[in-house]
C-alpha atoms as a PDB file:
ATOM      1  CA  UNK A   1      83.205  81.509  94.804  1.00  0.00           C
ATOM      2  CA  UNK A   2      81.929  83.997  97.329  1.00  0.00           C
ATOM      3  CA  UNK A   3      84.070  85.740  99.900  1.00  0.00           C
ATOM      4  CA  UNK A   4      82.475  85.596 103.335  1.00  0.00           C
ATOM      5  CA  UNK A   5      83.659  87.594 106.311  1.00  0.00           C
ATOM      6  CA  UNK A   6      82.552  87.489 109.914  1.00  0.00           C
ATOM      7  CA  UNK A   7      80.485  89.851 112.038  1.00  0.00           C
ATOM      8  CA  UNK A   8      82.377  89.335 115.287  1.00  0.00           C
ATOM      9  CA  UNK A   9      85.275  87.195 116.462  1.00  0.00           C
ATOM     10  CA  UNK A  10      85.348  85.437 119.814  1.00  0.00           C
ATOM     11  CA  UNK A  11      88.941  86.472 120.476  1.00  0.00           C
ATOM     12  CA  UNK A  12      89.511  90.189 120.922  1.00  0.00           C
ATOM     13  CA  UNK A  13      92.504  92.101 122.292  1.00  0.00           C
ATOM     14  CA  UNK A  14      90.322  94.062 124.722  1.00  0.00           C
ATOM     15  CA  UNK A  15      88.678  90.959 126.206  1.00  0.00           C
ATOM     16  CA  UNK A  16      90.532  90.112 129.391  1.00  0.00           C
ATOM     17  CA  UNK A  17      88.354  87.222 130.587  1.00  0.00           C
ATOM     18  CA  UNK A  18      86.224  84.459 129.106  1.00  0.00           C
ATOM     19  CA  UNK A  19      83.146  86.369 130.287  1.00  0.00           C
ATOM     20  CA  UNK A  20      84.392  89.508 128.478  1.00  0.00           C
ATOM     21  CA  UNK A  21      84.873  87.469 125.311  1.00  0.00           C
ATOM     22  CA  UNK A  22      81.361  86.037 125.527  1.00  0.00           C
ATOM     23  CA  UNK A  23      79.739  89.403 126.299  1.00  0.00           C
ATOM     24  CA  UNK A  24      81.483  91.026 123.321  1.00  0.00           C
ATOM     25  CA  UNK A  25      80.057  88.388 120.969  1.00  0.00           C
ATOM     26  CA  UNK A  26      76.616  88.402 122.608  1.00  0.00           C
ATOM     27  CA  UNK A  27      76.371  92.182 122.248  1.00  0.00           C
ATOM     28  CA  UNK A  28      76.665  91.778 118.464  1.00  0.00           C
ATOM     29  CA  UNK A  29      73.761  89.321 118.164  1.00  0.00           C
ATOM     30  CA  UNK A  30      71.601  89.930 115.147  1.00  0.00           C
ATOM     31  CA  UNK A  31      69.992  88.153 112.224  1.00  0.00           C
ATOM     32  CA  UNK A  32      72.622  86.756 109.877  1.00  0.00           C
ATOM     33  CA  UNK A  33      75.594  87.409 112.124  1.00  0.00           C
ATOM     34  CA  UNK A  34      78.646  85.246 111.579  1.00  0.00           C
ATOM     35  CA  UNK A  35      80.799  84.376 114.586  1.00  0.00           C
ATOM     36  CA  UNK A  36      84.468  83.623 113.976  1.00  0.00           C
ATOM     37  CA  UNK A  37      85.900  81.093 116.428  1.00  0.00           C
ATOM     38  CA  UNK A  38      89.506  80.175 115.668  1.00  0.00           C
ATOM     39  CA  UNK A  39      90.912  76.729 116.175  1.00  0.00           C
ATOM     40  CA  UNK A  40      94.414  75.542 115.501  1.00  0.00           C
ATOM     41  CA  UNK A  41      97.930  75.714 116.818  1.00  0.00           C
ATOM     42  CA  UNK A  42      97.610  78.447 119.432  1.00  0.00           C
ATOM     43  CA  UNK A  43      96.024  78.027 122.857  1.00  0.00           C
ATOM     44  CA  UNK A  44      92.310  78.444 122.182  1.00  0.00           C
ATOM     45  CA  UNK A  45      91.129  77.282 125.626  1.00  0.00           C
ATOM     46  CA  UNK A  46      89.527  80.657 126.407  1.00  0.00           C
ATOM     47  CA  UNK A  47      87.612  80.509 123.119  1.00  0.00           C
ATOM     48  CA  UNK A  48      86.417  77.006 123.985  1.00  0.00           C
ATOM     49  CA  UNK A  49      85.356  78.181 127.439  1.00  0.00           C
ATOM     50  CA  UNK A  50      83.441  81.149 125.980  1.00  0.00           C
ATOM     51  CA  UNK A  51      81.506  79.135 123.393  1.00  0.00           C
ATOM     52  CA  UNK A  52      78.959  77.556 125.781  1.00  0.00           C
ATOM     53  CA  UNK A  53      78.154  81.025 127.179  1.00  0.00           C
ATOM     54  CA  UNK A  54      77.731  82.433 123.680  1.00  0.00           C
ATOM     55  CA  UNK A  55      75.658  79.521 122.396  1.00  0.00           C
ATOM     56  CA  UNK A  56      73.343  79.545 125.417  1.00  0.00           C
ATOM     57  CA  UNK A  57      72.794  83.318 125.197  1.00  0.00           C
ATOM     58  CA  UNK A  58      72.053  83.236 121.456  1.00  0.00           C
ATOM     59  CA  UNK A  59      69.635  80.330 121.871  1.00  0.00           C
ATOM     60  CA  UNK A  60      67.946  82.141 124.763  1.00  0.00           C
ATOM     61  CA  UNK A  61      67.421  85.114 122.403  1.00  0.00           C
ATOM     62  CA  UNK A  62      65.753  82.771 119.894  1.00  0.00           C
ATOM     63  CA  UNK A  63      68.601  82.340 117.437  1.00  0.00           C
ATOM     64  CA  UNK A  64      69.697  79.022 116.027  1.00  0.00           C
ATOM     65  CA  UNK A  65      73.003  78.046 114.492  1.00  0.00           C
ATOM     66  CA  UNK A  66      73.129  77.000 110.846  1.00  0.00           C
ATOM     67  CA  UNK A  67      75.770  76.195 108.275  1.00  0.00           C
ATOM     68  CA  UNK A  68      77.044  78.886 105.958  1.00  0.00           C
ATOM     69  CA  UNK A  69      75.337  77.152 103.019  1.00  0.00           C
ATOM     70  CA  UNK A  70      71.982  77.307 104.832  1.00  0.00           C
ATOM     71  CA  UNK A  71      72.530  80.937 105.773  1.00  0.00           C
ATOM     72  CA  UNK A  72      73.224  81.817 102.143  1.00  0.00           C
ATOM     73  CA  UNK A  73      69.982  80.097 101.040  1.00  0.00           C
ATOM     74  CA  UNK A  74      67.921  82.166 103.472  1.00  0.00           C
ATOM     75  CA  UNK A  75      69.405  85.593 102.955  1.00  0.00           C
ATOM     76  CA  UNK A  76      66.081  87.285 103.626  1.00  0.00           C
ATOM     77  CA  UNK A  77      65.722  85.746 107.080  1.00  0.00           C
ATOM     78  CA  UNK A  78      69.239  84.625 108.020  1.00  0.00           C
ATOM     79  CA  UNK A  79      70.206  83.108 111.335  1.00  0.00           C
ATOM     80  CA  UNK A  80      73.495  83.097 113.216  1.00  0.00           C
ATOM     81  CA  UNK A  81      76.119  80.516 112.417  1.00  0.00           C
ATOM     82  CA  UNK A  82      79.292  79.392 114.088  1.00  0.00           C
ATOM     83  CA  UNK A  83      82.317  79.331 111.787  1.00  0.00           C
ATOM     84  CA  UNK A  84      85.671  77.848 112.549  1.00  0.00           C
ATOM     85  CA  UNK A  85      88.831  78.728 110.723  1.00  0.00           C
ATOM     86  CA  UNK A  86      91.000  75.892 109.527  1.00  0.00           C
ATOM     87  CA  UNK A  87      94.741  76.368 109.676  1.00  0.00           C
END
């Protein structure tokens, strides 16, 4: 087993708005970055609202989203992925 952590999380204490959340994640764009987007019992509506902004910005920068397994296979030239936690 490998332990895998994230580069940036969508939810952040300092992010007051959905736009703030998206901009925080977008500012951390880079090859191989891992974005943590929680799901589950709490209200995640702001996360859901931020995801289209994040996805569009990353795609506009030329990134594509892959599974963790695919990212691990291409460690030399990794791409961004979207991970969801499971509660």
